[in-house]
């Protein structure tokens, strides 16, 4: 269930606070380990880029999670940001 009073945490913040910092891994080292540009990791951490399916697979393999974990975080964040103001009635 998505909270309506706040936007769910961006997956980049989860990556930084729950994985990179506790593991004492820099963004540069993580990007090098994944074989991706540092800019991609930095933009995700800063919330300026979303986690794609391909990136979710890389994160899951490197961090022992599932790709669904990352995609669900991203989907919840995106859905909250695009919540419509106007309500539409259900078709009968």
PDB file of N, CA and C in Angstrom:
ATOM      1  N   UNK A   1       0.841  -1.181   0.000  1.00  0.00           N
ATOM      2  CA  UNK A   1       0.000   0.000   0.000  1.00  0.00           C
ATOM      3  C   UNK A   1       0.886   1.244   0.000  1.00  0.00           C
ATOM      4  N   UNK A   2       0.566   2.174  -0.882  1.00  0.00           N
ATOM      5  CA  UNK A   2       1.340   3.400  -0.996  1.00  0.00           C
ATOM      6  C   UNK A   2       0.800   4.466  -0.049  1.00  0.00           C
ATOM      7  N   UNK A   3       1.675   5.111   0.693  1.00  0.00           N
ATOM      8  CA  UNK A   3       1.203   6.183   1.563  1.00  0.00           C
ATOM      9  C   UNK A   3       0.716   7.360   0.728  1.00  0.00           C
ATOM     10  N   UNK A   4      -0.346   8.015   1.182  1.00  0.00           N
ATOM     11  CA  UNK A   4      -0.888   9.156   0.451  1.00  0.00           C
ATOM     12  C   UNK A   4      -0.379  10.481   0.989  1.00  0.00           C
ATOM     13  N   UNK A   5       0.197  10.478   2.177  1.00  0.00           N
ATOM     14  CA  UNK A   5       0.628  11.722   2.799  1.00  0.00           C
ATOM     15  C   UNK A   5       2.076  12.093   2.474  1.00  0.00           C
ATOM     16  N   UNK A   6       2.800  11.198   1.841  1.00  0.00           N
ATOM     17  CA  UNK A   6       4.193  11.510   1.495  1.00  0.00           C
ATOM     18  C   UNK A   6       4.607  10.703   0.274  1.00  0.00           C
ATOM     19  N   UNK A   7       5.659  11.163  -0.358  1.00  0.00           N
ATOM     20  CA  UNK A   7       6.222  10.438  -1.494  1.00  0.00           C
ATOM     21  C   UNK A   7       7.177   9.383  -0.938  1.00  0.00           C
ATOM     22  N   UNK A   8       7.027   8.124  -1.358  1.00  0.00           N
ATOM     23  CA  UNK A   8       7.946   7.088  -0.882  1.00  0.00           C
ATOM     24  C   UNK A   8       9.401   7.425  -1.214  1.00  0.00           C
ATOM     25  N   UNK A   9      10.280   6.932  -0.408  1.00  0.00           N
ATOM     26  CA  UNK A   9      11.709   7.183  -0.565  1.00  0.00           C
ATOM     27  C   UNK A   9      12.199   6.716  -1.925  1.00  0.00           C
ATOM     28  N   UNK A  10      13.011   7.554  -2.547  1.00  0.00           N
ATOM     29  CA  UNK A  10      13.603   7.206  -3.840  1.00  0.00           C
ATOM     30  C   UNK A  10      14.586   6.052  -3.637  1.00  0.00           C
ATOM     31  N   UNK A  11      14.656   5.120  -4.580  1.00  0.00           N
ATOM     32  CA  UNK A  11      15.584   3.991  -4.421  1.00  0.00           C
ATOM     33  C   UNK A  11      17.046   4.410  -4.295  1.00  0.00           C
ATOM     34  N   UNK A  12      17.393   5.568  -4.819  1.00  0.00           N
ATOM     35  CA  UNK A  12      18.765   6.055  -4.675  1.00  0.00           C
ATOM     36  C   UNK A  12      19.134   6.336  -3.237  1.00  0.00           C
ATOM     37  N   UNK A  13      18.179   6.842  -2.472  1.00  0.00           N
ATOM     38  CA  UNK A  13      18.431   7.088  -1.050  1.00  0.00           C
ATOM     39  C   UNK A  13      18.579   5.767  -0.299  1.00  0.00           C
ATOM     40  N   UNK A  14      17.775   4.791  -0.665  1.00  0.00           N
ATOM     41  CA  UNK A  14      17.890   3.452  -0.068  1.00  0.00           C
ATOM     42  C   UNK A  14      19.256   2.864  -0.398  1.00  0.00           C
ATOM     43  N   UNK A  15      19.662   2.981  -1.648  1.00  0.00           N
ATOM     44  CA  UNK A  15      20.976   2.476  -2.066  1.00  0.00           C
ATOM     45  C   UNK A  15      22.080   3.081  -1.209  1.00  0.00           C
ATOM     46  N   UNK A  16      22.050   4.393  -1.065  1.00  0.00           N
ATOM     47  CA  UNK A  16      23.096   5.079  -0.308  1.00  0.00           C
ATOM     48  C   UNK A  16      23.049   4.745   1.183  1.00  0.00           C
ATOM     49  N   UNK A  17      21.882   4.901   1.796  1.00  0.00           N
ATOM     50  CA  UNK A  17      21.774   4.787   3.255  1.00  0.00           C
ATOM     51  C   UNK A  17      21.768   3.350   3.781  1.00  0.00           C
ATOM     52  N   UNK A  18      21.215   2.432   3.016  1.00  0.00           N
ATOM     53  CA  UNK A  18      21.078   1.053   3.488  1.00  0.00           C
ATOM     54  C   UNK A  18      22.137   0.091   2.953  1.00  0.00           C
ATOM     55  N   UNK A  19      22.840   0.507   1.910  1.00  0.00           N
ATOM     56  CA  UNK A  19      23.818  -0.399   1.309  1.00  0.00           C
ATOM     57  C   UNK A  19      25.215   0.215   1.217  1.00  0.00           C
ATOM     58  N   UNK A  20      25.366   1.302   0.477  1.00  0.00           N
ATOM     59  CA  UNK A  20      26.715   1.832   0.250  1.00  0.00           C
ATOM     60  C   UNK A  20      27.382   2.310   1.539  1.00  0.00           C
ATOM     61  N   UNK A  21      26.709   3.126   2.315  1.00  0.00           N
ATOM     62  CA  UNK A  21      27.327   3.630   3.558  1.00  0.00           C
ATOM     63  C   UNK A  21      27.632   2.509   4.549  1.00  0.00           C
ATOM     64  N   UNK A  22      26.672   1.623   4.846  1.00  0.00           N
ATOM     65  CA  UNK A  22      26.990   0.543   5.798  1.00  0.00           C
ATOM     66  C   UNK A  22      28.117  -0.376   5.318  1.00  0.00           C
ATOM     67  N   UNK A  23      28.209  -0.548   4.000  1.00  0.00           N
ATOM     68  CA  UNK A  23      29.269  -1.401   3.458  1.00  0.00           C
ATOM     69  C   UNK A  23      30.570  -0.633   3.217  1.00  0.00           C
ATOM     70  N   UNK A  24      30.550   0.676   3.491  1.00  0.00           N
ATOM     71  CA  UNK A  24      31.707   1.554   3.280  1.00  0.00           C
ATOM     72  C   UNK A  24      32.216   1.463   1.843  1.00  0.00           C
ATOM     73  N   UNK A  25      31.270   1.519   0.903  1.00  0.00           N
ATOM     74  CA  UNK A  25      31.601   1.472  -0.521  1.00  0.00           C
ATOM     75  C   UNK A  25      31.247   2.822  -1.134  1.00  0.00           C
ATOM     76  N   UNK A  26      32.194   3.422  -1.832  1.00  0.00           N
ATOM     77  CA  UNK A  26      31.926   4.702  -2.486  1.00  0.00           C
ATOM     78  C   UNK A  26      31.113   4.477  -3.760  1.00  0.00           C
ATOM     79  N   UNK A  27      30.514   5.540  -4.234  1.00  0.00           N
ATOM     80  CA  UNK A  27      29.787   5.467  -5.492  1.00  0.00           C
ATOM     81  C   UNK A  27      30.726   5.090  -6.634  1.00  0.00           C
ATOM     82  N   UNK A  28      31.927   5.604  -6.602  1.00  0.00           N
ATOM     83  CA  UNK A  28      32.927   5.300  -7.633  1.00  0.00           C
ATOM     84  C   UNK A  28      33.265   3.813  -7.618  1.00  0.00           C
ATOM     85  N   UNK A  29      33.523   3.263  -6.441  1.00  0.00           N
ATOM     86  CA  UNK A  29      33.856   1.847  -6.339  1.00  0.00           C
ATOM     87  C   UNK A  29      32.678   0.958  -6.748  1.00  0.00           C
ATOM     88  N   UNK A  30      31.465   1.373  -6.373  1.00  0.00           N
ATOM     89  CA  UNK A  30      30.285   0.595  -6.729  1.00  0.00           C
ATOM     90  C   UNK A  30      30.080   0.605  -8.241  1.00  0.00           C
ATOM     91  N   UNK A  31      30.212   1.763  -8.846  1.00  0.00           N
ATOM     92  CA  UNK A  31      30.074   1.870 -10.304  1.00  0.00           C
ATOM     93  C   UNK A  31      31.127   1.017 -11.008  1.00  0.00           C
ATOM     94  N   UNK A  32      32.338   1.059 -10.513  1.00  0.00           N
ATOM     95  CA  UNK A  32      33.417   0.254 -11.102  1.00  0.00           C
ATOM     96  C   UNK A  32      33.097  -1.230 -10.973  1.00  0.00           C
ATOM     97  N   UNK A  33      32.600  -1.639  -9.818  1.00  0.00           N
ATOM     98  CA  UNK A  33      32.244  -3.041  -9.585  1.00  0.00           C
ATOM     99  C   UNK A  33      31.147  -3.497 -10.552  1.00  0.00           C
ATOM    100  N   UNK A  34      30.172  -2.618 -10.808  1.00  0.00           N
ATOM    101  CA  UNK A  34      29.076  -2.958 -11.712  1.00  0.00           C
ATOM    102  C   UNK A  34      29.446  -2.817 -13.186  1.00  0.00           C
ATOM    103  N   UNK A  35      30.506  -2.051 -13.449  1.00  0.00           N
ATOM    104  CA  UNK A  35      30.898  -1.804 -14.836  1.00  0.00           C
ATOM    105  C   UNK A  35      30.010  -0.776 -15.513  1.00  0.00           C
ATOM    106  N   UNK A  36      29.554   0.207 -14.727  1.00  0.00           N
ATOM    107  CA  UNK A  36      28.708   1.270 -15.268  1.00  0.00           C
ATOM    108  C   UNK A  36      29.353   2.619 -14.988  1.00  0.00           C
ATOM    109  N   UNK A  37      28.930   3.666 -15.706  1.00  0.00           N
ATOM    110  CA  UNK A  37      29.489   4.997 -15.432  1.00  0.00           C
ATOM    111  C   UNK A  37      29.137   5.475 -14.019  1.00  0.00           C
ATOM    112  N   UNK A  38      30.073   6.170 -13.403  1.00  0.00           N
ATOM    113  CA  UNK A  38      29.856   6.733 -12.071  1.00  0.00           C
ATOM    114  C   UNK A  38      28.662   7.685 -12.110  1.00  0.00           C
ATOM    115  N   UNK A  39      28.507   8.387 -13.206  1.00  0.00           N
ATOM    116  CA  UNK A  39      27.401   9.343 -13.345  1.00  0.00           C
ATOM    117  C   UNK A  39      26.050   8.655 -13.144  1.00  0.00           C
ATOM    118  N   UNK A  40      25.892   7.431 -13.635  1.00  0.00           N
ATOM    119  CA  UNK A  40      24.621   6.712 -13.472  1.00  0.00           C
ATOM    120  C   UNK A  40      24.323   6.495 -11.989  1.00  0.00           C
ATOM    121  N   UNK A  41      25.315   6.021 -11.240  1.00  0.00           N
ATOM    122  CA  UNK A  41      25.111   5.767  -9.808  1.00  0.00           C
ATOM    123  C   UNK A  41      24.840   7.078  -9.085  1.00  0.00           C
ATOM    124  N   UNK A  42      25.610   8.115  -9.399  1.00  0.00           N
ATOM    125  CA  UNK A  42      25.436   9.401  -8.733  1.00  0.00           C
ATOM    126  C   UNK A  42      24.058   9.997  -9.009  1.00  0.00           C
ATOM    127  N   UNK A  43      23.581   9.900 -10.227  1.00  0.00           N
ATOM    128  CA  UNK A  43      22.259  10.440 -10.549  1.00  0.00           C
ATOM    129  C   UNK A  43      21.151   9.661  -9.840  1.00  0.00           C
ATOM    130  N   UNK A  44      21.322   8.363  -9.702  1.00  0.00           N
ATOM    131  CA  UNK A  44      20.343   7.562  -8.956  1.00  0.00           C
ATOM    132  C   UNK A  44      20.362   7.955  -7.482  1.00  0.00           C
ATOM    133  N   UNK A  45      21.542   8.035  -6.895  1.00  0.00           N
ATOM    134  CA  UNK A  45      21.673   8.404  -5.482  1.00  0.00           C
ATOM    135  C   UNK A  45      21.066   9.785  -5.225  1.00  0.00           C
ATOM    136  N   UNK A  46      21.237  10.699  -6.147  1.00  0.00           N
ATOM    137  CA  UNK A  46      20.712  12.063  -5.988  1.00  0.00           C
ATOM    138  C   UNK A  46      19.229  12.165  -6.341  1.00  0.00           C
ATOM    139  N   UNK A  47      18.614  11.074  -6.790  1.00  0.00           N
ATOM    140  CA  UNK A  47      17.201  11.087  -7.118  1.00  0.00           C
ATOM    141  C   UNK A  47      16.885  11.744  -8.444  1.00  0.00           C
ATOM    142  N   UNK A  48      17.889  11.913  -9.279  1.00  0.00           N
ATOM    143  CA  UNK A  48      17.696  12.562 -10.579  1.00  0.00           C
ATOM    144  C   UNK A  48      17.520  11.563 -11.711  1.00  0.00           C
ATOM    145  N   UNK A  49      17.644  10.303 -11.368  1.00  0.00           N
ATOM    146  CA  UNK A  49      17.504   9.235 -12.346  1.00  0.00           C
ATOM    147  C   UNK A  49      16.828   8.064 -11.657  1.00  0.00           C
ATOM    148  N   UNK A  50      15.995   7.370 -12.399  1.00  0.00           N
ATOM    149  CA  UNK A  50      15.318   6.211 -11.849  1.00  0.00           C
ATOM    150  C   UNK A  50      16.125   4.946 -12.048  1.00  0.00           C
ATOM    151  N   UNK A  51      15.703   3.896 -11.383  1.00  0.00           N
ATOM    152  CA  UNK A  51      16.333   2.589 -11.519  1.00  0.00           C
ATOM    153  C   UNK A  51      15.617   1.837 -12.638  1.00  0.00           C
ATOM    154  N   UNK A  52      16.342   1.528 -13.693  1.00  0.00           N
ATOM    155  CA  UNK A  52      15.785   0.768 -14.815  1.00  0.00           C
ATOM    156  C   UNK A  52      15.824  -0.719 -14.488  1.00  0.00           C
ATOM    157  N   UNK A  53      15.174  -1.502 -15.326  1.00  0.00           N
ATOM    158  CA  UNK A  53      15.188  -2.952 -15.132  1.00  0.00           C
ATOM    159  C   UNK A  53      16.617  -3.493 -15.197  1.00  0.00           C
ATOM    160  N   UNK A  54      17.399  -2.998 -16.141  1.00  0.00           N
ATOM    161  CA  UNK A  54      18.792  -3.462 -16.275  1.00  0.00           C
ATOM    162  C   UNK A  54      19.605  -3.112 -15.028  1.00  0.00           C
ATOM    163  N   UNK A  55      19.413  -1.899 -14.522  1.00  0.00           N
ATOM    164  CA  UNK A  55      20.137  -1.493 -13.316  1.00  0.00           C
ATOM    165  C   UNK A  55      19.651  -2.276 -12.108  1.00  0.00           C
ATOM    166  N   UNK A  56      18.360  -2.565 -12.042  1.00  0.00           N
ATOM    167  CA  UNK A  56      17.824  -3.367 -10.939  1.00  0.00           C
ATOM    168  C   UNK A  56      18.491  -4.735 -10.896  1.00  0.00           C
ATOM    169  N   UNK A  57      18.721  -5.330 -12.069  1.00  0.00           N
ATOM    170  CA  UNK A  57      19.419  -6.623 -12.108  1.00  0.00           C
ATOM    171  C   UNK A  57      20.840  -6.501 -11.579  1.00  0.00           C
ATOM    172  N   UNK A  58      21.539  -5.441 -11.981  1.00  0.00           N
ATOM    173  CA  UNK A  58      22.915  -5.243 -11.501  1.00  0.00           C
ATOM    174  C   UNK A  58      22.945  -5.043  -9.986  1.00  0.00           C
ATOM    175  N   UNK A  59      22.059  -4.188  -9.486  1.00  0.00           N
ATOM    176  CA  UNK A  59      22.009  -3.937  -8.042  1.00  0.00           C
ATOM    177  C   UNK A  59      21.700  -5.229  -7.284  1.00  0.00           C
ATOM    178  N   UNK A  60      20.754  -5.994  -7.784  1.00  0.00           N
ATOM    179  CA  UNK A  60      20.349  -7.219  -7.075  1.00  0.00           C
ATOM    180  C   UNK A  60      21.492  -8.219  -7.008  1.00  0.00           C
ATOM    181  N   UNK A  61      22.228  -8.344  -8.098  1.00  0.00           N
ATOM    182  CA  UNK A  61      23.341  -9.294  -8.111  1.00  0.00           C
ATOM    183  C   UNK A  61      24.468  -8.843  -7.176  1.00  0.00           C
ATOM    184  N   UNK A  62      24.764  -7.557  -7.186  1.00  0.00           N
ATOM    185  CA  UNK A  62      25.870  -7.049  -6.375  1.00  0.00           C
ATOM    186  C   UNK A  62      25.527  -6.960  -4.891  1.00  0.00           C
ATOM    187  N   UNK A  63      24.245  -6.745  -4.573  1.00  0.00           N
ATOM    188  CA  UNK A  63      23.868  -6.471  -3.189  1.00  0.00           C
ATOM    189  C   UNK A  63      23.072  -7.590  -2.529  1.00  0.00           C
ATOM    190  N   UNK A  64      22.837  -8.676  -3.249  1.00  0.00           N
ATOM    191  CA  UNK A  64      22.131  -9.808  -2.660  1.00  0.00           C
ATOM    192  C   UNK A  64      20.654  -9.551  -2.440  1.00  0.00           C
ATOM    193  N   UNK A  65      20.069  -8.728  -3.281  1.00  0.00           N
ATOM    194  CA  UNK A  65      18.637  -8.451  -3.199  1.00  0.00           C
ATOM    195  C   UNK A  65      17.978  -9.075  -4.428  1.00  0.00           C
ATOM    196  N   UNK A  66      16.768  -8.638  -4.728  1.00  0.00           N
ATOM    197  CA  UNK A  66      16.100  -9.073  -5.951  1.00  0.00           C
ATOM    198  C   UNK A  66      15.902  -7.858  -6.850  1.00  0.00           C
ATOM    199  N   UNK A  67      15.788  -8.068  -8.153  1.00  0.00           N
ATOM    200  CA  UNK A  67      15.499  -6.921  -9.018  1.00  0.00           C
ATOM    201  C   UNK A  67      14.128  -6.334  -8.706  1.00  0.00           C
ATOM    202  N   UNK A  68      13.201  -7.172  -8.276  1.00  0.00           N
ATOM    203  CA  UNK A  68      11.863  -6.695  -7.921  1.00  0.00           C
ATOM    204  C   UNK A  68      11.903  -5.689  -6.769  1.00  0.00           C
ATOM    205  N   UNK A  69      12.823  -5.884  -5.840  1.00  0.00           N
ATOM    206  CA  UNK A  69      12.983  -4.947  -4.726  1.00  0.00           C
ATOM    207  C   UNK A  69      13.221  -3.538  -5.259  1.00  0.00           C
ATOM    208  N   UNK A  70      14.168  -3.403  -6.175  1.00  0.00           N
ATOM    209  CA  UNK A  70      14.535  -2.095  -6.720  1.00  0.00           C
ATOM    210  C   UNK A  70      13.437  -1.524  -7.605  1.00  0.00           C
ATOM    211  N   UNK A  71      12.822  -2.373  -8.417  1.00  0.00           N
ATOM    212  CA  UNK A  71      11.765  -1.892  -9.305  1.00  0.00           C
ATOM    213  C   UNK A  71      10.519  -1.491  -8.522  1.00  0.00           C
ATOM    214  N   UNK A  72      10.228  -2.180  -7.438  1.00  0.00           N
ATOM    215  CA  UNK A  72       9.085  -1.813  -6.603  1.00  0.00           C
ATOM    216  C   UNK A  72       9.326  -0.474  -5.916  1.00  0.00           C
ATOM    217  N   UNK A  73      10.530  -0.272  -5.408  1.00  0.00           N
ATOM    218  CA  UNK A  73      10.860   1.027  -4.815  1.00  0.00           C
ATOM    219  C   UNK A  73      10.660   2.137  -5.849  1.00  0.00           C
ATOM    220  N   UNK A  74      11.147   1.906  -7.068  1.00  0.00           N
ATOM    221  CA  UNK A  74      11.041   2.913  -8.120  1.00  0.00           C
ATOM    222  C   UNK A  74       9.588   3.139  -8.513  1.00  0.00           C
ATOM    223  N   UNK A  75       8.830   2.062  -8.680  1.00  0.00           N
ATOM    224  CA  UNK A  75       7.427   2.179  -9.080  1.00  0.00           C
ATOM    225  C   UNK A  75       6.617   2.934  -8.032  1.00  0.00           C
ATOM    226  N   UNK A  76       6.819   2.634  -6.761  1.00  0.00           N
ATOM    227  CA  UNK A  76       6.089   3.329  -5.699  1.00  0.00           C
ATOM    228  C   UNK A  76       6.415   4.818  -5.689  1.00  0.00           C
ATOM    229  N   UNK A  77       7.669   5.143  -5.893  1.00  0.00           N
ATOM    230  CA  UNK A  77       8.093   6.542  -5.946  1.00  0.00           C
ATOM    231  C   UNK A  77       7.449   7.246  -7.140  1.00  0.00           C
ATOM    232  N   UNK A  78       7.525   6.629  -8.303  1.00  0.00           N
ATOM    233  CA  UNK A  78       6.963   7.218  -9.520  1.00  0.00           C
ATOM    234  C   UNK A  78       5.447   7.388  -9.426  1.00  0.00           C
ATOM    235  N   UNK A  79       4.759   6.378  -8.908  1.00  0.00           N
ATOM    236  CA  UNK A  79       3.305   6.463  -8.782  1.00  0.00           C
ATOM    237  C   UNK A  79       2.882   7.600  -7.859  1.00  0.00           C
ATOM    238  N   UNK A  80       3.585   7.774  -6.778  1.00  0.00           N
ATOM    239  CA  UNK A  80       3.242   8.853  -5.845  1.00  0.00           C
ATOM    240  C   UNK A  80       3.449  10.223  -6.488  1.00  0.00           C
ATOM    241  N   UNK A  81       4.497  10.356  -7.278  1.00  0.00           N
ATOM    242  CA  UNK A  81       4.770  11.640  -7.928  1.00  0.00           C
ATOM    243  C   UNK A  81       3.766  11.957  -9.021  1.00  0.00           C
ATOM    244  N   UNK A  82       3.177  10.935  -9.607  1.00  0.00           N
ATOM    245  CA  UNK A  82       2.247  11.168 -10.714  1.00  0.00           C
ATOM    246  C   UNK A  82       0.785  10.963 -10.321  1.00  0.00           C
ATOM    247  N   UNK A  83       0.510  10.933  -9.015  1.00  0.00           N
ATOM    248  CA  UNK A  83      -0.866  10.745  -8.541  1.00  0.00           C
ATOM    249  C   UNK A  83      -1.735  11.863  -9.105  1.00  0.00           C
ATOM    250  N   UNK A  84      -2.815  11.512  -9.784  1.00  0.00           N
ATOM    251  CA  UNK A  84      -3.665  12.551 -10.382  1.00  0.00           C
ATOM    252  C   UNK A  84      -4.438  13.339  -9.327  1.00  0.00           C
ATOM    253  N   UNK A  85      -4.667  14.587  -9.632  1.00  0.00           N
ATOM    254  CA  UNK A  85      -5.440  15.439  -8.748  1.00  0.00           C
ATOM    255  C   UNK A  85      -6.924  15.151  -8.942  1.00  0.00           C
ATOM    256  N   UNK A  86      -7.296  14.942 -10.185  1.00  0.00           N
ATOM    257  CA  UNK A  86      -8.692  14.692 -10.528  1.00  0.00           C
ATOM    258  C   UNK A  86      -9.034  13.211 -10.318  1.00  0.00           C
ATOM    259  N   UNK A  87     -10.166  12.953  -9.667  1.00  0.00           N
ATOM    260  CA  UNK A  87     -10.656  11.593  -9.473  1.00  0.00           C
ATOM    261  C   UNK A  87     -11.551  11.233 -10.652  1.00  0.00           C
ATOM    262  N   UNK A  88     -11.472   9.997 -11.103  1.00  0.00           N
ATOM    263  CA  UNK A  88     -12.302   9.489 -12.181  1.00  0.00           C
ATOM    264  C   UNK A  88     -13.223   8.428 -11.608  1.00  0.00           C
ATOM    265  N   UNK A  89     -14.483   8.503 -11.953  1.00  0.00           N
ATOM    266  CA  UNK A  89     -15.464   7.540 -11.455  1.00  0.00           C
ATOM    267  C   UNK A  89     -15.224   6.172 -12.085  1.00  0.00           C
ATOM    268  N   UNK A  90     -15.564   5.131 -11.363  1.00  0.00           N
ATOM    269  CA  UNK A  90     -15.437   3.758 -11.845  1.00  0.00           C
ATOM    270  C   UNK A  90     -16.555   3.478 -12.830  1.00  0.00           C
ATOM    271  N   UNK A  91     -16.230   2.825 -13.928  1.00  0.00           N
ATOM    272  CA  UNK A  91     -17.247   2.440 -14.911  1.00  0.00           C
ATOM    273  C   UNK A  91     -18.111   1.320 -14.358  1.00  0.00           C
ATOM    274  N   UNK A  92     -19.375   1.376 -14.641  1.00  0.00           N
ATOM    275  CA  UNK A  92     -20.292   0.322 -14.193  1.00  0.00           C
ATOM    276  C   UNK A  92     -20.649  -0.580 -15.339  1.00  0.00           C
TER     277      UNK A  92
END
